[in-house]
Each structure stands twice: as structure tokens, then as C-alpha cells.
Amino acid sequence: MKVSEEFLSIQGEGLDIGVLTYFVRFPACDLRCRWCDTPYASLHPEAGEATTVEDVLSRAIESGAEWMCITGGEPLPSAAPSIPLLPRLVQRTPSPGQC
């Protein structure tokens, strides 16, 4: 799969604001939102570097973050490269009460 970038940061949006999060940004998006803050990743489907699900998970675990944010581009169009990553994340997610 191709990934535009990966980085460790503090979540700045939503219910998990302030939480240390490992971000995985996928390239390509067909939405063209005028408020897009990552046109360098979104508008160029050929952008990004090839990597494997295992390598992404390894880097995420190494980062020490308990959360991962899959972003884009648009990470969930049909046949998106992020799809193989999702079941692996669910396998690593504790059930409620197991945290």
C-alpha cells in the first residue's frame, strides 16, 4: 500500500483531542474540499511511498501511541489501500474494560 506520511502528534480534533496519536495519511482524494489542509497529499494519487501493513503497525507500536488516526487523502474509497490495515487495528484494540 502507499502512504503519504506517518507521524506522531497530539490529536487536535474530535473527542480524542489532546491524546497522543500515530497518524497515517494516505494519498489521493476525489472530494476536493476547499478547506483541505493537505492538498500535497490529497491531490496527487501517485504520491506516497510503498509500505506494508506490518511495517505501518510496527512503526505505530514503536511510537508508543495508544491510538492511530487513518487520514488522507480519502482513506476509505472503494478498494482503498487502508482496507487491509483496518482488521489488524481491530485485532489490537482492547475490549471495553480491558484497557
PDB file of N, CA and C in Angstrom:
ATOM      1  N   MET A   1       0.835  -1.177   0.000  1.00  0.00           N
ATOM      2  CA  MET A   1       0.000   0.000   0.000  1.00  0.00           C
ATOM      3  C   MET A   1       0.880   1.240   0.000  1.00  0.00           C
ATOM      4  N   LYS A   2       0.323   2.336  -0.473  1.00  0.00           N
ATOM      5  CA  LYS A   2       1.072   3.598  -0.483  1.00  0.00           C
ATOM      6  C   LYS A   2       0.604   4.489   0.663  1.00  0.00           C
ATOM      7  N   VAL A   3       1.574   5.099   1.328  1.00  0.00           N
ATOM      8  CA  VAL A   3       1.291   6.008   2.433  1.00  0.00           C
ATOM      9  C   VAL A   3       1.980   7.328   2.132  1.00  0.00           C
ATOM     10  N   SER A   4       1.247   8.408   2.284  1.00  0.00           N
ATOM     11  CA  SER A   4       1.804   9.727   2.025  1.00  0.00           C
ATOM     12  C   SER A   4       2.744  10.154   3.151  1.00  0.00           C
ATOM     13  N   GLU A   5       2.304   9.928   4.395  1.00  0.00           N
ATOM     14  CA  GLU A   5       3.176  10.228   5.530  1.00  0.00           C
ATOM     15  C   GLU A   5       2.652   9.556   6.786  1.00  0.00           C
ATOM     16  N   GLU A   6       3.552   9.372   7.735  1.00  0.00           N
ATOM     17  CA  GLU A   6       3.232   8.848   9.056  1.00  0.00           C
ATOM     18  C   GLU A   6       3.920   9.752  10.064  1.00  0.00           C
ATOM     19  N   PHE A   7       3.217  10.044  11.170  1.00  0.00           N
ATOM     20  CA  PHE A   7       3.828  10.893  12.184  1.00  0.00           C
ATOM     21  C   PHE A   7       3.123  10.740  13.520  1.00  0.00           C
ATOM     22  N   LEU A   8       3.821  11.064  14.564  1.00  0.00           N
ATOM     23  CA  LEU A   8       3.308  11.045  15.921  1.00  0.00           C
ATOM     24  C   LEU A   8       2.973  12.471  16.314  1.00  0.00           C
ATOM     25  N   SER A   9       1.761  12.679  16.834  1.00  0.00           N
ATOM     26  CA  SER A   9       1.350  14.019  17.220  1.00  0.00           C
ATOM     27  C   SER A   9       0.225  13.936  18.243  1.00  0.00           C
ATOM     28  N   ILE A  10      -0.187  15.079  18.692  1.00  0.00           N
ATOM     29  CA  ILE A  10      -1.321  15.183  19.596  1.00  0.00           C
ATOM     30  C   ILE A  10      -2.574  15.399  18.747  1.00  0.00           C
ATOM     31  N   GLN A  11      -3.602  14.585  18.995  1.00  0.00           N
ATOM     32  CA  GLN A  11      -4.862  14.739  18.252  1.00  0.00           C
ATOM     33  C   GLN A  11      -5.432  16.127  18.520  1.00  0.00           C
ATOM     34  N   GLY A  12      -5.779  16.832  17.461  1.00  0.00           N
ATOM     35  CA  GLY A  12      -6.261  18.197  17.603  1.00  0.00           C
ATOM     36  C   GLY A  12      -7.733  18.368  17.310  1.00  0.00           C
ATOM     37  N   GLU A  13      -8.446  17.267  17.068  1.00  0.00           N
ATOM     38  CA  GLU A  13      -9.855  17.359  16.698  1.00  0.00           C
ATOM     39  C   GLU A  13     -10.662  16.276  17.392  1.00  0.00           C
ATOM     40  N   GLY A  14     -11.946  16.513  17.522  1.00  0.00           N
ATOM     41  CA  GLY A  14     -12.883  15.488  17.977  1.00  0.00           C
ATOM     42  C   GLY A  14     -12.803  15.169  19.454  1.00  0.00           C
ATOM     43  N   LEU A  15     -13.387  14.022  19.814  1.00  0.00           N
ATOM     44  CA  LEU A  15     -13.474  13.613  21.211  1.00  0.00           C
ATOM     45  C   LEU A  15     -12.127  13.264  21.820  1.00  0.00           C
ATOM     46  N   ASP A  16     -11.163  12.903  20.990  1.00  0.00           N
ATOM     47  CA  ASP A  16      -9.851  12.490  21.486  1.00  0.00           C
ATOM     48  C   ASP A  16      -8.826  13.614  21.447  1.00  0.00           C
ATOM     49  N   ILE A  17      -9.281  14.837  21.447  1.00  0.00           N
ATOM     50  CA  ILE A  17      -8.372  15.983  21.418  1.00  0.00           C
ATOM     51  C   ILE A  17      -7.396  15.899  22.594  1.00  0.00           C
ATOM     52  N   GLY A  18      -6.128  16.125  22.297  1.00  0.00           N
ATOM     53  CA  GLY A  18      -5.089  16.086  23.320  1.00  0.00           C
ATOM     54  C   GLY A  18      -4.443  14.724  23.521  1.00  0.00           C
ATOM     55  N   VAL A  19      -4.935  13.688  22.837  1.00  0.00           N
ATOM     56  CA  VAL A  19      -4.421  12.330  23.001  1.00  0.00           C
ATOM     57  C   VAL A  19      -3.254  12.095  22.040  1.00  0.00           C
ATOM     58  N   LEU A  20      -2.178  11.492  22.546  1.00  0.00           N
ATOM     59  CA  LEU A  20      -1.038  11.137  21.705  1.00  0.00           C
ATOM     60  C   LEU A  20      -1.504  10.111  20.673  1.00  0.00           C
ATOM     61  N   THR A  21      -1.303  10.415  19.391  1.00  0.00           N
ATOM     62  CA  THR A  21      -1.866   9.621  18.302  1.00  0.00           C
ATOM     63  C   THR A  21      -0.831   9.434  17.198  1.00  0.00           C
ATOM     64  N   TYR A  22      -0.822   8.241  16.624  1.00  0.00           N
ATOM     65  CA  TYR A  22       0.014   7.962  15.461  1.00  0.00           C
ATOM     66  C   TYR A  22      -0.851   8.142  14.226  1.00  0.00           C
ATOM     67  N   PHE A  23      -0.480   9.092  13.367  1.00  0.00           N
ATOM     68  CA  PHE A  23      -1.258   9.414  12.174  1.00  0.00           C
ATOM     69  C   PHE A  23      -0.681   8.710  10.956  1.00  0.00           C
ATOM     70  N   VAL A  24      -1.551   8.124  10.160  1.00  0.00           N
ATOM     71  CA  VAL A  24      -1.177   7.516   8.886  1.00  0.00           C
ATOM     72  C   VAL A  24      -2.014   8.205   7.818  1.00  0.00           C
ATOM     73  N   ARG A  25      -1.340   8.949   6.942  1.00  0.00           N
ATOM     74  CA  ARG A  25      -2.029   9.710   5.903  1.00  0.00           C
ATOM     75  C   ARG A  25      -1.844   9.010   4.557  1.00  0.00           C
ATOM     76  N   PHE A  26      -2.962   8.663   3.937  1.00  0.00           N
ATOM     77  CA  PHE A  26      -2.946   8.033   2.631  1.00  0.00           C
ATOM     78  C   PHE A  26      -3.069   9.090   1.536  1.00  0.00           C
ATOM     79  N   PRO A  27      -2.483   8.843   0.367  1.00  0.00           N
ATOM     80  CA  PRO A  27      -2.587   9.799  -0.734  1.00  0.00           C
ATOM     81  C   PRO A  27      -3.902   9.631  -1.483  1.00  0.00           C
ATOM     82  N   ALA A  28      -4.238  10.628  -2.235  1.00  0.00           N
ATOM     83  CA  ALA A  28      -5.361  10.631  -3.180  1.00  0.00           C
ATOM     84  C   ALA A  28      -6.706  10.879  -2.511  1.00  0.00           C
ATOM     85  N   CYS A  29      -7.445  11.764  -3.117  1.00  0.00           N
ATOM     86  CA  CYS A  29      -8.791  12.065  -2.665  1.00  0.00           C
ATOM     87  C   CYS A  29      -9.548  12.686  -3.835  1.00  0.00           C
ATOM     88  N   ASP A  30     -10.776  12.247  -4.013  1.00  0.00           N
ATOM     89  CA  ASP A  30     -11.564  12.801  -5.105  1.00  0.00           C
ATOM     90  C   ASP A  30     -12.607  13.808  -4.614  1.00  0.00           C
ATOM     91  N   LEU A  31     -12.576  14.182  -3.353  1.00  0.00           N
ATOM     92  CA  LEU A  31     -13.577  15.096  -2.801  1.00  0.00           C
ATOM     93  C   LEU A  31     -13.278  16.564  -3.096  1.00  0.00           C
ATOM     94  N   ARG A  32     -12.017  16.944  -3.086  1.00  0.00           N
ATOM     95  CA  ARG A  32     -11.580  18.324  -3.385  1.00  0.00           C
ATOM     96  C   ARG A  32     -12.233  19.367  -2.478  1.00  0.00           C
ATOM     97  N   CYS A  33     -12.262  19.102  -1.180  1.00  0.00           N
ATOM     98  CA  CYS A  33     -12.829  20.040  -0.211  1.00  0.00           C
ATOM     99  C   CYS A  33     -12.014  21.328  -0.211  1.00  0.00           C
ATOM    100  N   ARG A  34     -12.665  22.446  -0.220  1.00  0.00           N
ATOM    101  CA  ARG A  34     -11.928  23.715  -0.281  1.00  0.00           C
ATOM    102  C   ARG A  34     -11.191  24.010   1.017  1.00  0.00           C
ATOM    103  N   TRP A  35     -11.563  23.352   2.115  1.00  0.00           N
ATOM    104  CA  TRP A  35     -10.875  23.554   3.388  1.00  0.00           C
ATOM    105  C   TRP A  35      -9.769  22.520   3.630  1.00  0.00           C
ATOM    106  N   CYS A  36      -9.464  21.707   2.636  1.00  0.00           N
ATOM    107  CA  CYS A  36      -8.444  20.660   2.782  1.00  0.00           C
ATOM    108  C   CYS A  36      -7.132  21.257   3.271  1.00  0.00           C
ATOM    109  N   ASP A  37      -6.579  20.646   4.323  1.00  0.00           N
ATOM    110  CA  ASP A  37      -5.313  21.137   4.866  1.00  0.00           C
ATOM    111  C   ASP A  37      -4.114  20.318   4.391  1.00  0.00           C
ATOM    112  N   THR A  38      -4.339  19.364   3.497  1.00  0.00           N
ATOM    113  CA  THR A  38      -3.240  18.542   2.993  1.00  0.00           C
ATOM    114  C   THR A  38      -3.322  18.326   1.485  1.00  0.00           C
ATOM    115  N   PRO A  39      -3.424  19.401   0.715  1.00  0.00           N
ATOM    116  CA  PRO A  39      -3.512  19.193  -0.741  1.00  0.00           C
ATOM    117  C   PRO A  39      -2.272  18.509  -1.304  1.00  0.00           C
ATOM    118  N   TYR A  40      -1.125  18.650  -0.649  1.00  0.00           N
ATOM    119  CA  TYR A  40       0.096  17.987  -1.114  1.00  0.00           C
ATOM    120  C   TYR A  40      -0.053  16.474  -1.088  1.00  0.00           C
ATOM    121  N   ALA A  41      -0.894  15.958  -0.210  1.00  0.00           N
ATOM    122  CA  ALA A  41      -1.132  14.516  -0.149  1.00  0.00           C
ATOM    123  C   ALA A  41      -2.385  14.139  -0.923  1.00  0.00           C
ATOM    124  N   SER A  42      -3.400  14.955  -0.820  1.00  0.00           N
ATOM    125  CA  SER A  42      -4.717  14.606  -1.350  1.00  0.00           C
ATOM    126  C   SER A  42      -4.835  14.659  -2.857  1.00  0.00           C
ATOM    127  N   LEU A  43      -4.190  15.607  -3.472  1.00  0.00           N
ATOM    128  CA  LEU A  43      -4.421  15.838  -4.890  1.00  0.00           C
ATOM    129  C   LEU A  43      -3.504  15.031  -5.803  1.00  0.00           C
ATOM    130  N   HIS A  44      -2.615  14.261  -5.240  1.00  0.00           N
ATOM    131  CA  HIS A  44      -1.644  13.537  -6.047  1.00  0.00           C
ATOM    132  C   HIS A  44      -1.680  12.042  -5.727  1.00  0.00           C
ATOM    133  N   PRO A  45      -2.514  11.278  -6.445  1.00  0.00           N
ATOM    134  CA  PRO A  45      -2.642   9.844  -6.142  1.00  0.00           C
ATOM    135  C   PRO A  45      -1.340   9.067  -6.323  1.00  0.00           C
ATOM    136  N   GLU A  46      -0.444   9.590  -7.119  1.00  0.00           N
ATOM    137  CA  GLU A  46       0.832   8.904  -7.331  1.00  0.00           C
ATOM    138  C   GLU A  46       1.814   9.170  -6.197  1.00  0.00           C
ATOM    139  N   ALA A  47       1.483  10.105  -5.338  1.00  0.00           N
ATOM    140  CA  ALA A  47       2.371  10.458  -4.225  1.00  0.00           C
ATOM    141  C   ALA A  47       2.389   9.336  -3.192  1.00  0.00           C
ATOM    142  N   GLY A  48       3.364   9.386  -2.363  1.00  0.00           N
ATOM    143  CA  GLY A  48       3.458   8.404  -1.289  1.00  0.00           C
ATOM    144  C   GLY A  48       4.492   7.344  -1.567  1.00  0.00           C
ATOM    145  N   GLU A  49       4.806   6.624  -0.516  1.00  0.00           N
ATOM    146  CA  GLU A  49       5.799   5.555  -0.621  1.00  0.00           C
ATOM    147  C   GLU A  49       5.144   4.222  -0.309  1.00  0.00           C
ATOM    148  N   ALA A  50       5.586   3.203  -1.009  1.00  0.00           N
ATOM    149  CA  ALA A  50       5.057   1.861  -0.777  1.00  0.00           C
ATOM    150  C   ALA A  50       5.535   1.339   0.569  1.00  0.00           C
ATOM    151  N   THR A  51       4.628   0.723   1.295  1.00  0.00           N
ATOM    152  CA  THR A  51       4.950   0.119   2.580  1.00  0.00           C
ATOM    153  C   THR A  51       3.989  -1.040   2.805  1.00  0.00           C
ATOM    154  N   THR A  52       4.175  -1.753   3.881  1.00  0.00           N
ATOM    155  CA  THR A  52       3.299  -2.888   4.194  1.00  0.00           C
ATOM    156  C   THR A  52       2.504  -2.590   5.457  1.00  0.00           C
ATOM    157  N   VAL A  53       1.410  -3.314   5.628  1.00  0.00           N
ATOM    158  CA  VAL A  53       0.606  -3.195   6.845  1.00  0.00           C
ATOM    159  C   VAL A  53       1.470  -3.486   8.060  1.00  0.00           C
ATOM    160  N   GLU A  54       2.280  -4.523   7.971  1.00  0.00           N
ATOM    161  CA  GLU A  54       3.128  -4.907   9.094  1.00  0.00           C
ATOM    162  C   GLU A  54       4.102  -3.796   9.470  1.00  0.00           C
ATOM    163  N   ASP A  55       4.684  -3.130   8.468  1.00  0.00           N
ATOM    164  CA  ASP A  55       5.629  -2.043   8.742  1.00  0.00           C
ATOM    165  C   ASP A  55       4.937  -0.850   9.385  1.00  0.00           C
ATOM    166  N   VAL A  56       3.739  -0.512   8.904  1.00  0.00           N
ATOM    167  CA  VAL A  56       2.989   0.603   9.494  1.00  0.00           C
ATOM    168  C   VAL A  56       2.653   0.280  10.947  1.00  0.00           C
ATOM    169  N   LEU A  57       2.147  -0.921  11.197  1.00  0.00           N
ATOM    170  CA  LEU A  57       1.815  -1.312  12.571  1.00  0.00           C
ATOM    171  C   LEU A  57       3.041  -1.308  13.466  1.00  0.00           C
ATOM    172  N   SER A  58       4.155  -1.779  12.950  1.00  0.00           N
ATOM    173  CA  SER A  58       5.389  -1.805  13.727  1.00  0.00           C
ATOM    174  C   SER A  58       5.818  -0.404  14.129  1.00  0.00           C
ATOM    175  N   ARG A  59       5.786   0.524  13.184  1.00  0.00           N
ATOM    176  CA  ARG A  59       6.165   1.906  13.488  1.00  0.00           C
ATOM    177  C   ARG A  59       5.179   2.546  14.468  1.00  0.00           C
ATOM    178  N   ALA A  60       3.902   2.240  14.310  1.00  0.00           N
ATOM    179  CA  ALA A  60       2.892   2.783  15.220  1.00  0.00           C
ATOM    180  C   ALA A  60       3.108   2.274  16.640  1.00  0.00           C
ATOM    181  N   ILE A  61       3.368   0.992  16.787  1.00  0.00           N
ATOM    182  CA  ILE A  61       3.611   0.413  18.112  1.00  0.00           C
ATOM    183  C   ILE A  61       4.877   1.002  18.721  1.00  0.00           C
ATOM    184  N   GLU A  62       5.917   1.105  17.908  1.00  0.00           N
ATOM    185  CA  GLU A  62       7.184   1.690  18.348  1.00  0.00           C
ATOM    186  C   GLU A  62       7.021   3.124  18.847  1.00  0.00           C
ATOM    187  N   SER A  63       6.051   3.850  18.283  1.00  0.00           N
ATOM    188  CA  SER A  63       5.845   5.252  18.645  1.00  0.00           C
ATOM    189  C   SER A  63       5.365   5.418  20.080  1.00  0.00           C
ATOM    190  N   GLY A  64       4.748   4.380  20.624  1.00  0.00           N
ATOM    191  CA  GLY A  64       4.227   4.460  21.982  1.00  0.00           C
ATOM    192  C   GLY A  64       2.813   5.010  22.066  1.00  0.00           C
ATOM    193  N   ALA A  65       2.244   5.441  20.954  1.00  0.00           N
ATOM    194  CA  ALA A  65       0.873   5.963  20.962  1.00  0.00           C
ATOM    195  C   ALA A  65      -0.115   4.818  21.129  1.00  0.00           C
ATOM    196  N   GLU A  66      -1.173   5.066  21.868  1.00  0.00           N
ATOM    197  CA  GLU A  66      -2.218   4.060  22.032  1.00  0.00           C
ATOM    198  C   GLU A  66      -3.283   4.166  20.952  1.00  0.00           C
ATOM    199  N   TRP A  67      -3.286   5.266  20.212  1.00  0.00           N
ATOM    200  CA  TRP A  67      -4.298   5.497  19.193  1.00  0.00           C
ATOM    201  C   TRP A  67      -3.654   5.727  17.836  1.00  0.00           C
ATOM    202  N   MET A  68      -4.395   5.353  16.784  1.00  0.00           N
ATOM    203  CA  MET A  68      -3.961   5.620  15.422  1.00  0.00           C
ATOM    204  C   MET A  68      -5.098   6.337  14.705  1.00  0.00           C
ATOM    205  N   CYS A  69      -4.747   7.324  13.911  1.00  0.00           N
ATOM    206  CA  CYS A  69      -5.717   8.038  13.088  1.00  0.00           C
ATOM    207  C   CYS A  69      -5.368   7.789  11.632  1.00  0.00           C
ATOM    208  N   ILE A  70      -6.301   7.182  10.908  1.00  0.00           N
ATOM    209  CA  ILE A  70      -6.124   6.959   9.476  1.00  0.00           C
ATOM    210  C   ILE A  70      -6.787   8.133   8.775  1.00  0.00           C
ATOM    211  N   THR A  71      -6.003   8.822   7.974  1.00  0.00           N
ATOM    212  CA  THR A  71      -6.493  10.035   7.342  1.00  0.00           C
ATOM    213  C   THR A  71      -6.015  10.081   5.901  1.00  0.00           C
ATOM    214  N   GLY A  72      -6.278  11.161   5.210  1.00  0.00           N
ATOM    215  CA  GLY A  72      -5.915  11.200   3.813  1.00  0.00           C
ATOM    216  C   GLY A  72      -5.625  12.595   3.346  1.00  0.00           C
ATOM    217  N   GLY A  73      -5.638  12.490   2.115  1.00  0.00           N
ATOM    218  CA  GLY A  73      -6.473  11.860   1.121  1.00  0.00           C
ATOM    219  C   GLY A  73      -7.783  11.388   1.737  1.00  0.00           C
ATOM    220  N   GLU A  74      -8.456  10.606   0.993  1.00  0.00           N
ATOM    221  CA  GLU A  74      -9.692   9.980   1.466  1.00  0.00           C
ATOM    222  C   GLU A  74      -9.391   8.514   1.709  1.00  0.00           C
ATOM    223  N   PRO A  75      -9.297   8.088   2.978  1.00  0.00           N
ATOM    224  CA  PRO A  75      -8.809   6.743   3.264  1.00  0.00           C
ATOM    225  C   PRO A  75      -9.778   5.608   2.975  1.00  0.00           C
ATOM    226  N   LEU A  76     -11.051   5.892   2.709  1.00  0.00           N
ATOM    227  CA  LEU A  76     -11.984   4.787   2.555  1.00  0.00           C
ATOM    228  C   LEU A  76     -12.757   4.711   1.238  1.00  0.00           C
ATOM    229  N   PRO A  77     -12.200   5.139   0.112  1.00  0.00           N
ATOM    230  CA  PRO A  77     -12.924   4.883  -1.138  1.00  0.00           C
ATOM    231  C   PRO A  77     -12.851   3.392  -1.462  1.00  0.00           C
ATOM    232  N   SER A  78     -13.663   2.951  -2.399  1.00  0.00           N
ATOM    233  CA  SER A  78     -13.644   1.528  -2.726  1.00  0.00           C
ATOM    234  C   SER A  78     -12.242   1.109  -3.141  1.00  0.00           C
ATOM    235  N   ALA A  79     -11.824  -0.047  -2.674  1.00  0.00           N
ATOM    236  CA  ALA A  79     -10.502  -0.613  -2.955  1.00  0.00           C
ATOM    237  C   ALA A  79      -9.367   0.253  -2.418  1.00  0.00           C
ATOM    238  N   ALA A  80      -9.642   0.989  -1.359  1.00  0.00           N
ATOM    239  CA  ALA A  80      -8.619   1.857  -0.768  1.00  0.00           C
ATOM    240  C   ALA A  80      -7.499   1.025  -0.154  1.00  0.00           C
ATOM    241  N   PRO A  81      -6.287   1.538  -0.184  1.00  0.00           N
ATOM    242  CA  PRO A  81      -5.167   0.794   0.380  1.00  0.00           C
ATOM    243  C   PRO A  81      -5.259   0.654   1.896  1.00  0.00           C
ATOM    244  N   SER A  82      -6.072   1.468   2.549  1.00  0.00           N
ATOM    245  CA  SER A  82      -6.177   1.384   4.001  1.00  0.00           C
ATOM    246  C   SER A  82      -6.983   0.176   4.465  1.00  0.00           C
ATOM    247  N   ILE A  83      -7.770  -0.414   3.593  1.00  0.00           N
ATOM    248  CA  ILE A  83      -8.660  -1.504   3.984  1.00  0.00           C
ATOM    249  C   ILE A  83      -7.909  -2.666   4.644  1.00  0.00           C
ATOM    250  N   PRO A  84      -6.773  -3.138   4.138  1.00  0.00           N
ATOM    251  CA  PRO A  84      -6.078  -4.240   4.809  1.00  0.00           C
ATOM    252  C   PRO A  84      -5.579  -3.876   6.209  1.00  0.00           C
ATOM    253  N   LEU A  85      -5.394  -2.593   6.473  1.00  0.00           N
ATOM    254  CA  LEU A  85      -4.899  -2.153   7.773  1.00  0.00           C
ATOM    255  C   LEU A  85      -5.974  -2.228   8.850  1.00  0.00           C
ATOM    256  N   LEU A  86      -7.217  -1.989   8.490  1.00  0.00           N
ATOM    257  CA  LEU A  86      -8.289  -1.874   9.476  1.00  0.00           C
ATOM    258  C   LEU A  86      -8.513  -3.126  10.322  1.00  0.00           C
ATOM    259  N   PRO A  87      -8.612  -4.324   9.736  1.00  0.00           N
ATOM    260  CA  PRO A  87      -8.807  -5.509  10.588  1.00  0.00           C
ATOM    261  C   PRO A  87      -7.645  -5.730  11.562  1.00  0.00           C
ATOM    262  N   ARG A  88      -6.453  -5.393  11.147  1.00  0.00           N
ATOM    263  CA  ARG A  88      -5.288  -5.555  12.030  1.00  0.00           C
ATOM    264  C   ARG A  88      -5.370  -4.603  13.221  1.00  0.00           C
ATOM    265  N   LEU A  89      -5.898  -3.402  13.001  1.00  0.00           N
ATOM    266  CA  LEU A  89      -6.073  -2.462  14.101  1.00  0.00           C
ATOM    267  C   LEU A  89      -7.130  -2.962  15.070  1.00  0.00           C
ATOM    268  N   VAL A  90      -8.207  -3.513  14.537  1.00  0.00           N
ATOM    269  CA  VAL A  90      -9.270  -4.035  15.390  1.00  0.00           C
ATOM    270  C   VAL A  90      -8.736  -5.175  16.256  1.00  0.00           C
ATOM    271  N   GLN A  91      -7.878  -6.014  15.705  1.00  0.00           N
ATOM    272  CA  GLN A  91      -7.286  -7.117  16.477  1.00  0.00           C
ATOM    273  C   GLN A  91      -6.475  -6.598  17.654  1.00  0.00           C
ATOM    274  N   ARG A  92      -5.877  -5.417  17.527  1.00  0.00           N
ATOM    275  CA  ARG A  92      -5.029  -4.861  18.575  1.00  0.00           C
ATOM    276  C   ARG A  92      -5.812  -4.009  19.565  1.00  0.00           C
ATOM    277  N   THR A  93      -7.107  -3.773  19.306  1.00  0.00           N
ATOM    278  CA  THR A  93      -7.905  -2.903  20.153  1.00  0.00           C
ATOM    279  C   THR A  93      -8.500  -3.698  21.306  1.00  0.00           C
ATOM    280  N   PRO A  94      -8.246  -3.269  22.543  1.00  0.00           N
ATOM    281  CA  PRO A  94      -8.824  -3.994  23.684  1.00  0.00           C
ATOM    282  C   PRO A  94     -10.324  -3.785  23.748  1.00  0.00           C
ATOM    283  N   SER A  95     -11.021  -4.792  24.278  1.00  0.00           N
ATOM    284  CA  SER A  95     -12.447  -4.646  24.513  1.00  0.00           C
ATOM    285  C   SER A  95     -12.672  -3.689  25.671  1.00  0.00           C
ATOM    286  N   PRO A  96     -13.862  -3.098  25.759  1.00  0.00           N
ATOM    287  CA  PRO A  96     -14.131  -2.208  26.901  1.00  0.00           C
ATOM    288  C   PRO A  96     -13.848  -2.915  28.211  1.00  0.00           C
ATOM    289  N   GLY A  97     -13.202  -2.245  29.124  1.00  0.00           N
ATOM    290  CA  GLY A  97     -12.865  -2.830  30.413  1.00  0.00           C
ATOM    291  C   GLY A  97     -11.519  -3.524  30.438  1.00  0.00           C
ATOM    292  N   GLN A  98     -10.857  -3.663  29.279  1.00  0.00           N
ATOM    293  CA  GLN A  98      -9.559  -4.317  29.208  1.00  0.00           C
ATOM    294  C   GLN A  98      -8.413  -3.332  29.077  1.00  0.00           C
ATOM    295  N   CYS A  99      -8.707  -2.043  29.107  1.00  0.00           N
ATOM    296  CA  CYS A  99      -7.674  -1.047  28.908  1.00  0.00           C
ATOM    297  C   CYS A  99      -6.722  -1.011  30.092  1.00  0.00           C
TER     298      CYS A  99
END
